[in-house]
């Protein structure tokens, strides 16, 4: 089993790679929208609020479109599996270390007696 620090570094690396691919898909969706005309900005106070809400809704739509496109990308699927595997390894390694620390602590508390059968 890998050391916890190495496992968590792997998790971070895989999340970074996945994030880059998701950003790429998001940028593709935004670029396509901008090339198709975009939307005009509002002028007055109420119009500005309405425009901000519309832009937020458009951004949410773009994120959903990007995620939908990204889910179909085999490289993103592979990264998601890799992130899950790395996260599982990191958690397993960390819990194994904690478990061993607890065993040692209980042995010391019991006067270095061997583990009793369960």
PDB file of N, CA and C in Angstrom:
ATOM      1  N   UNK A   1       0.850  -1.182   0.000  1.00  0.00           N
ATOM      2  CA  UNK A   1       0.000   0.000   0.000  1.00  0.00           C
ATOM      3  C   UNK A   1       0.895   1.244   0.000  1.00  0.00           C
ATOM      4  N   UNK A   2       0.459   2.252  -0.714  1.00  0.00           N
ATOM      5  CA  UNK A   2       1.240   3.480  -0.842  1.00  0.00           C
ATOM      6  C   UNK A   2       1.196   4.286   0.453  1.00  0.00           C
ATOM      7  N   UNK A   3       2.167   5.136   0.605  1.00  0.00           N
ATOM      8  CA  UNK A   3       2.200   6.053   1.750  1.00  0.00           C
ATOM      9  C   UNK A   3       1.078   7.080   1.591  1.00  0.00           C
ATOM     10  N   UNK A   4       0.487   7.538   2.698  1.00  0.00           N
ATOM     11  CA  UNK A   4      -0.622   8.499   2.594  1.00  0.00           C
ATOM     12  C   UNK A   4      -0.262   9.772   1.825  1.00  0.00           C
ATOM     13  N   UNK A   5       0.898  10.338   2.066  1.00  0.00           N
ATOM     14  CA  UNK A   5       1.248  11.592   1.379  1.00  0.00           C
ATOM     15  C   UNK A   5       1.304  11.390  -0.130  1.00  0.00           C
ATOM     16  N   UNK A   6       1.901  10.280  -0.565  1.00  0.00           N
ATOM     17  CA  UNK A   6       1.984   9.999  -1.999  1.00  0.00           C
ATOM     18  C   UNK A   6       0.589   9.768  -2.577  1.00  0.00           C
ATOM     19  N   UNK A   7      -0.257   9.073  -1.821  1.00  0.00           N
ATOM     20  CA  UNK A   7      -1.624   8.817  -2.286  1.00  0.00           C
ATOM     21  C   UNK A   7      -2.400  10.116  -2.441  1.00  0.00           C
ATOM     22  N   UNK A   8      -2.275  11.016  -1.469  1.00  0.00           N
ATOM     23  CA  UNK A   8      -3.004  12.295  -1.556  1.00  0.00           C
ATOM     24  C   UNK A   8      -2.437  13.173  -2.666  1.00  0.00           C
ATOM     25  N   UNK A   9      -1.139  13.097  -2.906  1.00  0.00           N
ATOM     26  CA  UNK A   9      -0.557  13.833  -4.041  1.00  0.00           C
ATOM     27  C   UNK A   9      -1.137  13.324  -5.358  1.00  0.00           C
ATOM     28  N   UNK A  10      -1.341  12.014  -5.441  1.00  0.00           N
ATOM     29  CA  UNK A  10      -1.944  11.432  -6.643  1.00  0.00           C
ATOM     30  C   UNK A  10      -3.380  11.911  -6.814  1.00  0.00           C
ATOM     31  N   UNK A  11      -4.134  11.969  -5.730  1.00  0.00           N
ATOM     32  CA  UNK A  11      -5.507  12.478  -5.790  1.00  0.00           C
ATOM     33  C   UNK A  11      -5.499  13.913  -6.313  1.00  0.00           C
ATOM     34  N   UNK A  12      -4.631  14.746  -5.763  1.00  0.00           N
ATOM     35  CA  UNK A  12      -4.555  16.148  -6.188  1.00  0.00           C
ATOM     36  C   UNK A  12      -4.200  16.251  -7.666  1.00  0.00           C
ATOM     37  N   UNK A  13      -3.266  15.435  -8.094  1.00  0.00           N
ATOM     38  CA  UNK A  13      -2.845  15.449  -9.492  1.00  0.00           C
ATOM     39  C   UNK A  13      -3.990  15.053 -10.416  1.00  0.00           C
ATOM     40  N   UNK A  14      -4.720  14.038 -10.017  1.00  0.00           N
ATOM     41  CA  UNK A  14      -5.831  13.578 -10.857  1.00  0.00           C
ATOM     42  C   UNK A  14      -6.972  14.582 -10.876  1.00  0.00           C
ATOM     43  N   UNK A  15      -7.276  15.221  -9.747  1.00  0.00           N
ATOM     44  CA  UNK A  15      -8.298  16.273  -9.733  1.00  0.00           C
ATOM     45  C   UNK A  15      -7.871  17.438 -10.626  1.00  0.00           C
ATOM     46  N   UNK A  16      -6.602  17.769 -10.607  1.00  0.00           N
ATOM     47  CA  UNK A  16      -6.099  18.851 -11.447  1.00  0.00           C
ATOM     48  C   UNK A  16      -6.297  18.526 -12.930  1.00  0.00           C
ATOM     49  N   UNK A  17      -5.946  17.310 -13.310  1.00  0.00           N
ATOM     50  CA  UNK A  17      -6.123  16.896 -14.705  1.00  0.00           C
ATOM     51  C   UNK A  17      -7.584  16.906 -15.119  1.00  0.00           C
ATOM     52  N   UNK A  18      -8.446  16.411 -14.246  1.00  0.00           N
ATOM     53  CA  UNK A  18      -9.873  16.413 -14.530  1.00  0.00           C
ATOM     54  C   UNK A  18     -10.386  17.845 -14.640  1.00  0.00           C
ATOM     55  N   UNK A  19      -9.945  18.718 -13.745  1.00  0.00           N
ATOM     56  CA  UNK A  19     -10.362  20.120 -13.788  1.00  0.00           C
ATOM     57  C   UNK A  19      -9.964  20.800 -15.089  1.00  0.00           C
ATOM     58  N   UNK A  20      -8.780  20.488 -15.578  1.00  0.00           N
ATOM     59  CA  UNK A  20      -8.332  21.080 -16.846  1.00  0.00           C
ATOM     60  C   UNK A  20      -9.222  20.639 -18.000  1.00  0.00           C
ATOM     61  N   UNK A  21      -9.580  19.369 -18.018  1.00  0.00           N
ATOM     62  CA  UNK A  21     -10.442  18.882 -19.100  1.00  0.00           C
ATOM     63  C   UNK A  21     -11.835  19.497 -19.007  1.00  0.00           C
ATOM     64  N   UNK A  22     -12.383  19.600 -17.781  1.00  0.00           N
ATOM     65  CA  UNK A  22     -13.699  20.222 -17.632  1.00  0.00           C
ATOM     66  C   UNK A  22     -13.662  21.682 -18.042  1.00  0.00           C
ATOM     67  N   UNK A  23     -12.573  22.407 -17.693  1.00  0.00           N
ATOM     68  CA  UNK A  23     -12.433  23.808 -18.093  1.00  0.00           C
ATOM     69  C   UNK A  23     -12.390  23.921 -19.616  1.00  0.00           C
ATOM     70  N   UNK A  24     -11.685  23.009 -20.263  1.00  0.00           N
ATOM     71  CA  UNK A  24     -11.588  23.009 -21.729  1.00  0.00           C
ATOM     72  C   UNK A  24     -12.988  22.878 -22.347  1.00  0.00           C
ATOM     73  N   UNK A  25     -13.787  21.931 -21.834  1.00  0.00           N
ATOM     74  CA  UNK A  25     -15.135  21.750 -22.374  1.00  0.00           C
ATOM     75  C   UNK A  25     -16.004  22.968 -22.103  1.00  0.00           C
ATOM     76  N   UNK A  26     -15.874  23.574 -20.919  1.00  0.00           N
ATOM     77  CA  UNK A  26     -16.636  24.777 -20.593  1.00  0.00           C
ATOM     78  C   UNK A  26     -16.271  25.914 -21.555  1.00  0.00           C
ATOM     79  N   UNK A  27     -14.987  26.080 -21.803  1.00  0.00           N
ATOM     80  CA  UNK A  27     -14.543  27.147 -22.701  1.00  0.00           C
ATOM     81  C   UNK A  27     -15.055  26.922 -24.123  1.00  0.00           C
ATOM     82  N   UNK A  28     -15.126  25.666 -24.544  1.00  0.00           N
ATOM     83  CA  UNK A  28     -15.661  25.378 -25.874  1.00  0.00           C
ATOM     84  C   UNK A  28     -17.124  25.810 -25.982  1.00  0.00           C
ATOM     85  N   UNK A  29     -17.903  25.513 -24.954  1.00  0.00           N
ATOM     86  CA  UNK A  29     -19.318  25.888 -24.961  1.00  0.00           C
ATOM     87  C   UNK A  29     -19.462  27.406 -24.972  1.00  0.00           C
ATOM     88  N   UNK A  30     -18.676  28.116 -24.124  1.00  0.00           N
ATOM     89  CA  UNK A  30     -18.758  29.590 -24.080  1.00  0.00           C
ATOM     90  C   UNK A  30     -18.347  30.194 -25.410  1.00  0.00           C
ATOM     91  N   UNK A  31     -17.294  29.678 -26.029  1.00  0.00           N
ATOM     92  CA  UNK A  31     -16.822  30.198 -27.309  1.00  0.00           C
ATOM     93  C   UNK A  31     -17.895  30.004 -28.378  1.00  0.00           C
ATOM     94  N   UNK A  32     -18.516  28.838 -28.403  1.00  0.00           N
ATOM     95  CA  UNK A  32     -19.579  28.571 -29.380  1.00  0.00           C
ATOM     96  C   UNK A  32     -20.746  29.527 -29.181  1.00  0.00           C
ATOM     97  N   UNK A  33     -21.103  29.805 -27.921  1.00  0.00           N
ATOM     98  CA  UNK A  33     -22.202  30.730 -27.647  1.00  0.00           C
ATOM     99  C   UNK A  33     -21.849  32.144 -28.114  1.00  0.00           C
ATOM    100  N   UNK A  34     -20.629  32.570 -27.825  1.00  0.00           N
ATOM    101  CA  UNK A  34     -20.211  33.919 -28.215  1.00  0.00           C
ATOM    102  C   UNK A  34     -20.165  34.064 -29.734  1.00  0.00           C
ATOM    103  N   UNK A  35     -19.779  33.014 -30.421  1.00  0.00           N
ATOM    104  CA  UNK A  35     -19.733  33.059 -31.879  1.00  0.00           C
ATOM    105  C   UNK A  35     -21.128  33.095 -32.484  1.00  0.00           C
ATOM    106  N   UNK A  36     -22.118  32.654 -31.711  1.00  0.00           N
ATOM    107  CA  UNK A  36     -23.498  32.660 -32.199  1.00  0.00           C
ATOM    108  C   UNK A  36     -24.240  33.926 -31.821  1.00  0.00           C
ATOM    109  N   UNK A  37     -23.546  34.976 -31.408  1.00  0.00           N
ATOM    110  CA  UNK A  37     -24.163  36.268 -31.199  1.00  0.00           C
ATOM    111  C   UNK A  37     -24.215  36.760 -29.782  1.00  0.00           C
ATOM    112  N   UNK A  38     -24.227  35.880 -28.796  1.00  0.00           N
ATOM    113  CA  UNK A  38     -24.290  36.337 -27.396  1.00  0.00           C
ATOM    114  C   UNK A  38     -25.573  37.104 -27.156  1.00  0.00           C
ATOM    115  N   UNK A  39     -25.627  37.815 -26.051  1.00  0.00           N
ATOM    116  CA  UNK A  39     -26.818  38.592 -25.711  1.00  0.00           C
ATOM    117  C   UNK A  39     -26.417  40.012 -25.356  1.00  0.00           C
ATOM    118  N   UNK A  40     -27.251  41.000 -25.686  1.00  0.00           N
ATOM    119  CA  UNK A  40     -26.931  42.393 -25.366  1.00  0.00           C
ATOM    120  C   UNK A  40     -27.033  42.679 -23.873  1.00  0.00           C
ATOM    121  N   UNK A  41     -26.293  43.669 -23.402  1.00  0.00           N
ATOM    122  CA  UNK A  41     -26.333  44.055 -21.982  1.00  0.00           C
ATOM    123  C   UNK A  41     -27.445  45.038 -21.711  1.00  0.00           C
ATOM    124  N   UNK A  42     -27.942  45.095 -20.455  1.00  0.00           N
ATOM    125  CA  UNK A  42     -29.000  46.021 -20.077  1.00  0.00           C
ATOM    126  C   UNK A  42     -28.425  47.359 -19.648  1.00  0.00           C
ATOM    127  N   UNK A  43     -29.289  48.394 -19.621  1.00  0.00           N
ATOM    128  CA  UNK A  43     -28.802  49.738 -19.289  1.00  0.00           C
ATOM    129  C   UNK A  43     -29.202  50.202 -17.894  1.00  0.00           C
ATOM    130  N   UNK A  44     -30.513  50.185 -17.542  1.00  0.00           N
ATOM    131  CA  UNK A  44     -30.982  50.728 -16.272  1.00  0.00           C
ATOM    132  C   UNK A  44     -30.753  49.774 -15.112  1.00  0.00           C
ATOM    133  N   UNK A  45     -31.122  50.244 -13.860  1.00  0.00           N
ATOM    134  CA  UNK A  45     -30.920  49.436 -12.671  1.00  0.00           C
ATOM    135  C   UNK A  45     -31.650  48.103 -12.728  1.00  0.00           C
ATOM    136  N   UNK A  46     -32.958  48.136 -13.010  1.00  0.00           N
ATOM    137  CA  UNK A  46     -33.735  46.901 -13.095  1.00  0.00           C
ATOM    138  C   UNK A  46     -33.261  46.057 -14.261  1.00  0.00           C
ATOM    139  N   UNK A  47     -32.957  46.718 -15.353  1.00  0.00           N
ATOM    140  CA  UNK A  47     -32.458  46.001 -16.522  1.00  0.00           C
ATOM    141  C   UNK A  47     -31.119  45.336 -16.209  1.00  0.00           C
ATOM    142  N   UNK A  48     -30.284  46.028 -15.430  1.00  0.00           N
ATOM    143  CA  UNK A  48     -28.992  45.440 -15.076  1.00  0.00           C
ATOM    144  C   UNK A  48     -29.174  44.212 -14.189  1.00  0.00           C
ATOM    145  N   UNK A  49     -30.114  44.270 -13.244  1.00  0.00           N
ATOM    146  CA  UNK A  49     -30.383  43.116 -12.388  1.00  0.00           C
ATOM    147  C   UNK A  49     -30.923  41.968 -13.230  1.00  0.00           C
ATOM    148  N   UNK A  50     -31.886  42.292 -14.109  1.00  0.00           N
ATOM    149  CA  UNK A  50     -32.437  41.253 -14.981  1.00  0.00           C
ATOM    150  C   UNK A  50     -31.353  40.652 -15.875  1.00  0.00           C
ATOM    151  N   UNK A  51     -30.494  41.503 -16.380  1.00  0.00           N
ATOM    152  CA  UNK A  51     -29.400  41.031 -17.238  1.00  0.00           C
ATOM    153  C   UNK A  51     -28.440  40.150 -16.437  1.00  0.00           C
ATOM    154  N   UNK A  52     -28.138  40.542 -15.202  1.00  0.00           N
ATOM    155  CA  UNK A  52     -27.243  39.735 -14.363  1.00  0.00           C
ATOM    156  C   UNK A  52     -27.866  38.367 -14.090  1.00  0.00           C
ATOM    157  N   UNK A  53     -29.161  38.340 -13.813  1.00  0.00           N
ATOM    158  CA  UNK A  53     -29.848  37.069 -13.575  1.00  0.00           C
ATOM    159  C   UNK A  53     -29.836  36.217 -14.844  1.00  0.00           C
ATOM    160  N   UNK A  54     -30.095  36.843 -15.969  1.00  0.00           N
ATOM    161  CA  UNK A  54     -30.076  36.106 -17.240  1.00  0.00           C
ATOM    162  C   UNK A  54     -28.690  35.550 -17.523  1.00  0.00           C
ATOM    163  N   UNK A  55     -27.661  36.362 -17.255  1.00  0.00           N
ATOM    164  CA  UNK A  55     -26.290  35.891 -17.471  1.00  0.00           C
ATOM    165  C   UNK A  55     -25.956  34.724 -16.548  1.00  0.00           C
ATOM    166  N   UNK A  56     -26.431  34.807 -15.314  1.00  0.00           N
ATOM    167  CA  UNK A  56     -26.210  33.709 -14.383  1.00  0.00           C
ATOM    168  C   UNK A  56     -26.890  32.443 -14.891  1.00  0.00           C
ATOM    169  N   UNK A  57     -28.126  32.584 -15.343  1.00  0.00           N
ATOM    170  CA  UNK A  57     -28.855  31.431 -15.889  1.00  0.00           C
ATOM    171  C   UNK A  57     -28.134  30.878 -17.118  1.00  0.00           C
ATOM    172  N   UNK A  58     -27.642  31.773 -17.977  1.00  0.00           N
ATOM    173  CA  UNK A  58     -26.894  31.333 -19.155  1.00  0.00           C
ATOM    174  C   UNK A  58     -25.607  30.605 -18.747  1.00  0.00           C
ATOM    175  N   UNK A  59     -24.949  31.135 -17.731  1.00  0.00           N
ATOM    176  CA  UNK A  59     -23.713  30.500 -17.263  1.00  0.00           C
ATOM    177  C   UNK A  59     -24.005  29.106 -16.709  1.00  0.00           C
ATOM    178  N   UNK A  60     -25.111  28.975 -15.970  1.00  0.00           N
ATOM    179  CA  UNK A  60     -25.482  27.662 -15.448  1.00  0.00           C
ATOM    180  C   UNK A  60     -25.789  26.717 -16.606  1.00  0.00           C
ATOM    181  N   UNK A  61     -26.495  27.212 -17.601  1.00  0.00           N
ATOM    182  CA  UNK A  61     -26.769  26.388 -18.789  1.00  0.00           C
ATOM    183  C   UNK A  61     -25.465  25.966 -19.458  1.00  0.00           C
ATOM    184  N   UNK A  62     -24.524  26.901 -19.554  1.00  0.00           N
ATOM    185  CA  UNK A  62     -23.232  26.584 -20.167  1.00  0.00           C
ATOM    186  C   UNK A  62     -22.486  25.506 -19.387  1.00  0.00           C
ATOM    187  N   UNK A  63     -22.535  25.615 -18.061  1.00  0.00           N
ATOM    188  CA  UNK A  63     -21.865  24.612 -17.228  1.00  0.00           C
ATOM    189  C   UNK A  63     -22.513  23.249 -17.448  1.00  0.00           C
ATOM    190  N   UNK A  64     -23.843  23.215 -17.465  1.00  0.00           N
ATOM    191  CA  UNK A  64     -24.541  21.951 -17.690  1.00  0.00           C
ATOM    192  C   UNK A  64     -24.182  21.394 -19.063  1.00  0.00           C
ATOM    193  N   UNK A  65     -24.154  22.247 -20.080  1.00  0.00           N
ATOM    194  CA  UNK A  65     -23.774  21.796 -21.426  1.00  0.00           C
ATOM    195  C   UNK A  65     -22.344  21.271 -21.444  1.00  0.00           C
ATOM    196  N   UNK A  66     -21.442  21.989 -20.762  1.00  0.00           N
ATOM    197  CA  UNK A  66     -20.039  21.574 -20.730  1.00  0.00           C
ATOM    198  C   UNK A  66     -19.878  20.242 -20.013  1.00  0.00           C
ATOM    199  N   UNK A  67     -20.577  20.082 -18.898  1.00  0.00           N
ATOM    200  CA  UNK A  67     -20.491  18.819 -18.153  1.00  0.00           C
ATOM    201  C   UNK A  67     -21.082  17.700 -18.994  1.00  0.00           C
ATOM    202  N   UNK A  68     -22.193  17.967 -19.675  1.00  0.00           N
ATOM    203  CA  UNK A  68     -22.799  16.955 -20.537  1.00  0.00           C
ATOM    204  C   UNK A  68     -21.829  16.529 -21.630  1.00  0.00           C
ATOM    205  N   UNK A  69     -21.171  17.508 -22.236  1.00  0.00           N
ATOM    206  CA  UNK A  69     -20.190  17.183 -23.281  1.00  0.00           C
ATOM    207  C   UNK A  69     -18.988  16.463 -22.685  1.00  0.00           C
ATOM    208  N   UNK A  70     -18.559  16.895 -21.521  1.00  0.00           N
ATOM    209  CA  UNK A  70     -17.376  16.300 -20.895  1.00  0.00           C
ATOM    210  C   UNK A  70     -17.630  14.856 -20.500  1.00  0.00           C
ATOM    211  N   UNK A  71     -18.837  14.558 -20.064  1.00  0.00           N
ATOM    212  CA  UNK A  71     -19.153  13.194 -19.637  1.00  0.00           C
ATOM    213  C   UNK A  71     -19.038  12.222 -20.808  1.00  0.00           C
ATOM    214  N   UNK A  72     -19.255  12.726 -21.995  1.00  0.00           N
ATOM    215  CA  UNK A  72     -19.155  11.883 -23.185  1.00  0.00           C
ATOM    216  C   UNK A  72     -17.709  11.703 -23.646  1.00  0.00           C
ATOM    217  N   UNK A  73     -16.807  12.518 -23.144  1.00  0.00           N
ATOM    218  CA  UNK A  73     -15.396  12.477 -23.539  1.00  0.00           C
ATOM    219  C   UNK A  73     -14.710  11.301 -22.842  1.00  0.00           C
ATOM    220  N   UNK A  74     -14.147  10.361 -23.615  1.00  0.00           N
ATOM    221  CA  UNK A  74     -13.485   9.204 -23.001  1.00  0.00           C
ATOM    222  C   UNK A  74     -12.327   9.594 -22.083  1.00  0.00           C
ATOM    223  N   UNK A  75     -11.642  10.663 -22.398  1.00  0.00           N
ATOM    224  CA  UNK A  75     -10.522  11.099 -21.542  1.00  0.00           C
ATOM    225  C   UNK A  75     -11.038  11.572 -20.186  1.00  0.00           C
ATOM    226  N   UNK A  76     -12.186  12.257 -20.169  1.00  0.00           N
ATOM    227  CA  UNK A  76     -12.773  12.711 -18.904  1.00  0.00           C
ATOM    228  C   UNK A  76     -13.256  11.505 -18.103  1.00  0.00           C
ATOM    229  N   UNK A  77     -13.890  10.544 -18.780  1.00  0.00           N
ATOM    230  CA  UNK A  77     -14.331   9.327 -18.097  1.00  0.00           C
ATOM    231  C   UNK A  77     -13.141   8.629 -17.447  1.00  0.00           C
ATOM    232  N   UNK A  78     -12.045   8.531 -18.180  1.00  0.00           N
ATOM    233  CA  UNK A  78     -10.848   7.881 -17.636  1.00  0.00           C
ATOM    234  C   UNK A  78     -10.312   8.654 -16.438  1.00  0.00           C
ATOM    235  N   UNK A  79     -10.331   9.989 -16.517  1.00  0.00           N
ATOM    236  CA  UNK A  79      -9.859  10.809 -15.394  1.00  0.00           C
ATOM    237  C   UNK A  79     -10.752  10.631 -14.167  1.00  0.00           C
ATOM    238  N   UNK A  80     -12.069  10.568 -14.379  1.00  0.00           N
ATOM    239  CA  UNK A  80     -12.981  10.379 -13.249  1.00  0.00           C
ATOM    240  C   UNK A  80     -12.692   9.041 -12.573  1.00  0.00           C
ATOM    241  N   UNK A  81     -12.484   8.007 -13.371  1.00  0.00           N
ATOM    242  CA  UNK A  81     -12.140   6.701 -12.797  1.00  0.00           C
ATOM    243  C   UNK A  81     -10.805   6.778 -12.066  1.00  0.00           C
ATOM    244  N   UNK A  82      -9.839   7.474 -12.663  1.00  0.00           N
ATOM    245  CA  UNK A  82      -8.531   7.620 -12.025  1.00  0.00           C
ATOM    246  C   UNK A  82      -8.602   8.393 -10.724  1.00  0.00           C
ATOM    247  N   UNK A  83      -9.417   9.454 -10.707  1.00  0.00           N
ATOM    248  CA  UNK A  83      -9.593  10.244  -9.482  1.00  0.00           C
ATOM    249  C   UNK A  83     -10.218   9.366  -8.403  1.00  0.00           C
ATOM    250  N   UNK A  84     -11.228   8.612  -8.772  1.00  0.00           N
ATOM    251  CA  UNK A  84     -11.873   7.724  -7.805  1.00  0.00           C
ATOM    252  C   UNK A  84     -10.908   6.689  -7.261  1.00  0.00           C
ATOM    253  N   UNK A  85     -10.106   6.118  -8.127  1.00  0.00           N
ATOM    254  CA  UNK A  85      -9.129   5.115  -7.699  1.00  0.00           C
ATOM    255  C   UNK A  85      -8.070   5.734  -6.789  1.00  0.00           C
ATOM    256  N   UNK A  86      -7.563   6.899  -7.176  1.00  0.00           N
ATOM    257  CA  UNK A  86      -6.545   7.571  -6.358  1.00  0.00           C
ATOM    258  C   UNK A  86      -7.119   7.973  -4.997  1.00  0.00           C
ATOM    259  N   UNK A  87      -8.358   8.452  -4.997  1.00  0.00           N
ATOM    260  CA  UNK A  87      -9.001   8.837  -3.740  1.00  0.00           C
ATOM    261  C   UNK A  87      -9.188   7.611  -2.845  1.00  0.00           C
ATOM    262  N   UNK A  88      -9.605   6.515  -3.438  1.00  0.00           N
ATOM    263  CA  UNK A  88      -9.778   5.274  -2.683  1.00  0.00           C
ATOM    264  C   UNK A  88      -8.444   4.811  -2.087  1.00  0.00           C
ATOM    265  N   UNK A  89      -7.377   4.859  -2.882  1.00  0.00           N
ATOM    266  CA  UNK A  89      -6.051   4.467  -2.382  1.00  0.00           C
ATOM    267  C   UNK A  89      -5.605   5.372  -1.241  1.00  0.00           C
ATOM    268  N   UNK A  90      -5.824   6.674  -1.411  1.00  0.00           N
ATOM    269  CA  UNK A  90      -5.401   7.625  -0.375  1.00  0.00           C
ATOM    270  C   UNK A  90      -6.174   7.396   0.925  1.00  0.00           C
ATOM    271  N   UNK A  91      -7.475   7.187   0.808  1.00  0.00           N
ATOM    272  CA  UNK A  91      -8.276   6.937   2.004  1.00  0.00           C
ATOM    273  C   UNK A  91      -7.880   5.613   2.661  1.00  0.00           C
ATOM    274  N   UNK A  92      -7.668   4.585   1.861  1.00  0.00           N
ATOM    275  CA  UNK A  92      -7.256   3.287   2.409  1.00  0.00           C
ATOM    276  C   UNK A  92      -5.930   3.407   3.142  1.00  0.00           C
ATOM    277  N   UNK A  93      -4.992   4.089   2.519  1.00  0.00           N
ATOM    278  CA  UNK A  93      -3.672   4.267   3.125  1.00  0.00           C
ATOM    279  C   UNK A  93      -3.769   5.060   4.418  1.00  0.00           C
ATOM    280  N   UNK A  94      -4.545   6.115   4.399  1.00  0.00           N
ATOM    281  CA  UNK A  94      -4.705   6.947   5.592  1.00  0.00           C
ATOM    282  C   UNK A  94      -5.385   6.169   6.716  1.00  0.00           C
ATOM    283  N   UNK A  95      -6.443   5.435   6.391  1.00  0.00           N
ATOM    284  CA  UNK A  95      -7.140   4.666   7.420  1.00  0.00           C
ATOM    285  C   UNK A  95      -6.263   3.537   7.954  1.00  0.00           C
ATOM    286  N   UNK A  96      -5.429   2.952   7.086  1.00  0.00           N
ATOM    287  CA  UNK A  96      -4.512   1.904   7.558  1.00  0.00           C
ATOM    288  C   UNK A  96      -3.531   2.491   8.566  1.00  0.00           C
ATOM    289  N   UNK A  97      -3.026   3.680   8.292  1.00  0.00           N
ATOM    290  CA  UNK A  97      -2.107   4.335   9.230  1.00  0.00           C
ATOM    291  C   UNK A  97      -2.795   4.650  10.553  1.00  0.00           C
ATOM    292  N   UNK A  98      -4.006   5.178  10.478  1.00  0.00           N
ATOM    293  CA  UNK A  98      -4.754   5.502  11.698  1.00  0.00           C
ATOM    294  C   UNK A  98      -5.024   4.227  12.487  1.00  0.00           C
ATOM    295  N   UNK A  99      -5.403   3.176  11.792  1.00  0.00           N
ATOM    296  CA  UNK A  99      -5.682   1.900  12.447  1.00  0.00           C
ATOM    297  C   UNK A  99      -4.443   1.378  13.166  1.00  0.00           C
ATOM    298  N   UNK A 100      -3.305   1.449  12.509  1.00  0.00           N
ATOM    299  CA  UNK A 100      -2.056   0.986  13.139  1.00  0.00           C
ATOM    300  C   UNK A 100      -1.706   1.866  14.341  1.00  0.00           C
ATOM    301  N   UNK A 101      -1.887   3.151  14.231  1.00  0.00           N
ATOM    302  CA  UNK A 101      -1.631   4.049  15.362  1.00  0.00           C
ATOM    303  C   UNK A 101      -2.530   3.703  16.548  1.00  0.00           C
ATOM    304  N   UNK A 102      -3.792   3.414  16.271  1.00  0.00           N
ATOM    305  CA  UNK A 102      -4.715   3.040  17.344  1.00  0.00           C
ATOM    306  C   UNK A 102      -4.297   1.723  17.993  1.00  0.00           C
ATOM    307  N   UNK A 103      -3.893   0.744  17.171  1.00  0.00           N
ATOM    308  CA  UNK A 103      -3.433  -0.532  17.734  1.00  0.00           C
ATOM    309  C   UNK A 103      -2.253  -0.315  18.669  1.00  0.00           C
ATOM    310  N   UNK A 104      -1.304   0.495  18.214  1.00  0.00           N
ATOM    311  CA  UNK A 104      -0.122   0.775  19.058  1.00  0.00           C
ATOM    312  C   UNK A 104      -0.528   1.464  20.355  1.00  0.00           C
ATOM    313  N   UNK A 105      -1.438   2.428  20.257  1.00  0.00           N
ATOM    314  CA  UNK A 105      -1.873   3.166  21.448  1.00  0.00           C
ATOM    315  C   UNK A 105      -2.556   2.231  22.439  1.00  0.00           C
ATOM    316  N   UNK A 106      -3.377   1.339  21.967  1.00  0.00           N
ATOM    317  CA  UNK A 106      -4.059   0.401  22.870  1.00  0.00           C
ATOM    318  C   UNK A 106      -3.079  -0.600  23.475  1.00  0.00           C
ATOM    319  N   UNK A 107      -2.078  -1.010  22.683  1.00  0.00           N
ATOM    320  CA  UNK A 107      -1.075  -1.927  23.234  1.00  0.00           C
ATOM    321  C   UNK A 107      -0.298  -1.262  24.362  1.00  0.00           C
ATOM    322  N   UNK A 108       0.071   0.001  24.156  1.00  0.00           N
ATOM    323  CA  UNK A 108       0.806   0.731  25.204  1.00  0.00           C
ATOM    324  C   UNK A 108      -0.062   0.893  26.442  1.00  0.00           C
ATOM    325  N   UNK A 109      -1.315   1.203  26.229  1.00  0.00           N
ATOM    326  CA  UNK A 109      -2.235   1.394  27.346  1.00  0.00           C
ATOM    327  C   UNK A 109      -2.433   0.096  28.125  1.00  0.00           C
ATOM    328  N   UNK A 110      -2.423  -1.029  27.436  1.00  0.00           N
ATOM    329  CA  UNK A 110      -2.611  -2.318  28.096  1.00  0.00           C
ATOM    330  C   UNK A 110      -1.299  -2.908  28.592  1.00  0.00           C
ATOM    331  N   UNK A 111      -0.232  -2.151  28.590  1.00  0.00           N
ATOM    332  CA  UNK A 111       1.050  -2.630  29.095  1.00  0.00           C
ATOM    333  C   UNK A 111       1.800  -3.527  28.134  1.00  0.00           C
ATOM    334  N   UNK A 112       1.724  -3.184  26.835  1.00  0.00           N
ATOM    335  CA  UNK A 112       2.412  -3.925  25.794  1.00  0.00           C
ATOM    336  C   UNK A 112       2.006  -5.379  25.738  1.00  0.00           C
ATOM    337  N   UNK A 113       0.754  -5.674  26.055  1.00  0.00           N
ATOM    338  CA  UNK A 113       0.279  -7.045  25.933  1.00  0.00           C
ATOM    339  C   UNK A 113      -0.110  -7.286  24.489  1.00  0.00           C
ATOM    340  N   UNK A 114       0.038  -8.529  24.008  1.00  0.00           N
ATOM    341  CA  UNK A 114      -0.334  -8.811  22.615  1.00  0.00           C
ATOM    342  C   UNK A 114      -1.835  -8.614  22.412  1.00  0.00           C
ATOM    343  N   UNK A 115      -2.201  -8.456  21.178  1.00  0.00           N
ATOM    344  CA  UNK A 115      -3.619  -8.259  20.866  1.00  0.00           C
ATOM    345  C   UNK A 115      -4.409  -9.466  21.337  1.00  0.00           C
ATOM    346  N   UNK A 116      -5.510  -9.236  21.992  1.00  0.00           N
ATOM    347  CA  UNK A 116      -6.376 -10.329  22.449  1.00  0.00           C
ATOM    348  C   UNK A 116      -7.210 -10.802  21.273  1.00  0.00           C
ATOM    349  N   UNK A 117      -7.520 -12.102  21.236  1.00  0.00           N
ATOM    350  CA  UNK A 117      -8.363 -12.585  20.131  1.00  0.00           C
ATOM    351  C   UNK A 117      -9.749 -11.971  20.220  1.00  0.00           C
ATOM    352  N   UNK A 118     -10.349 -11.755  19.050  1.00  0.00           N
ATOM    353  CA  UNK A 118     -11.673 -11.119  19.000  1.00  0.00           C
ATOM    354  C   UNK A 118     -12.766 -12.103  19.263  1.00  0.00           C
TER     355      UNK A 118
END
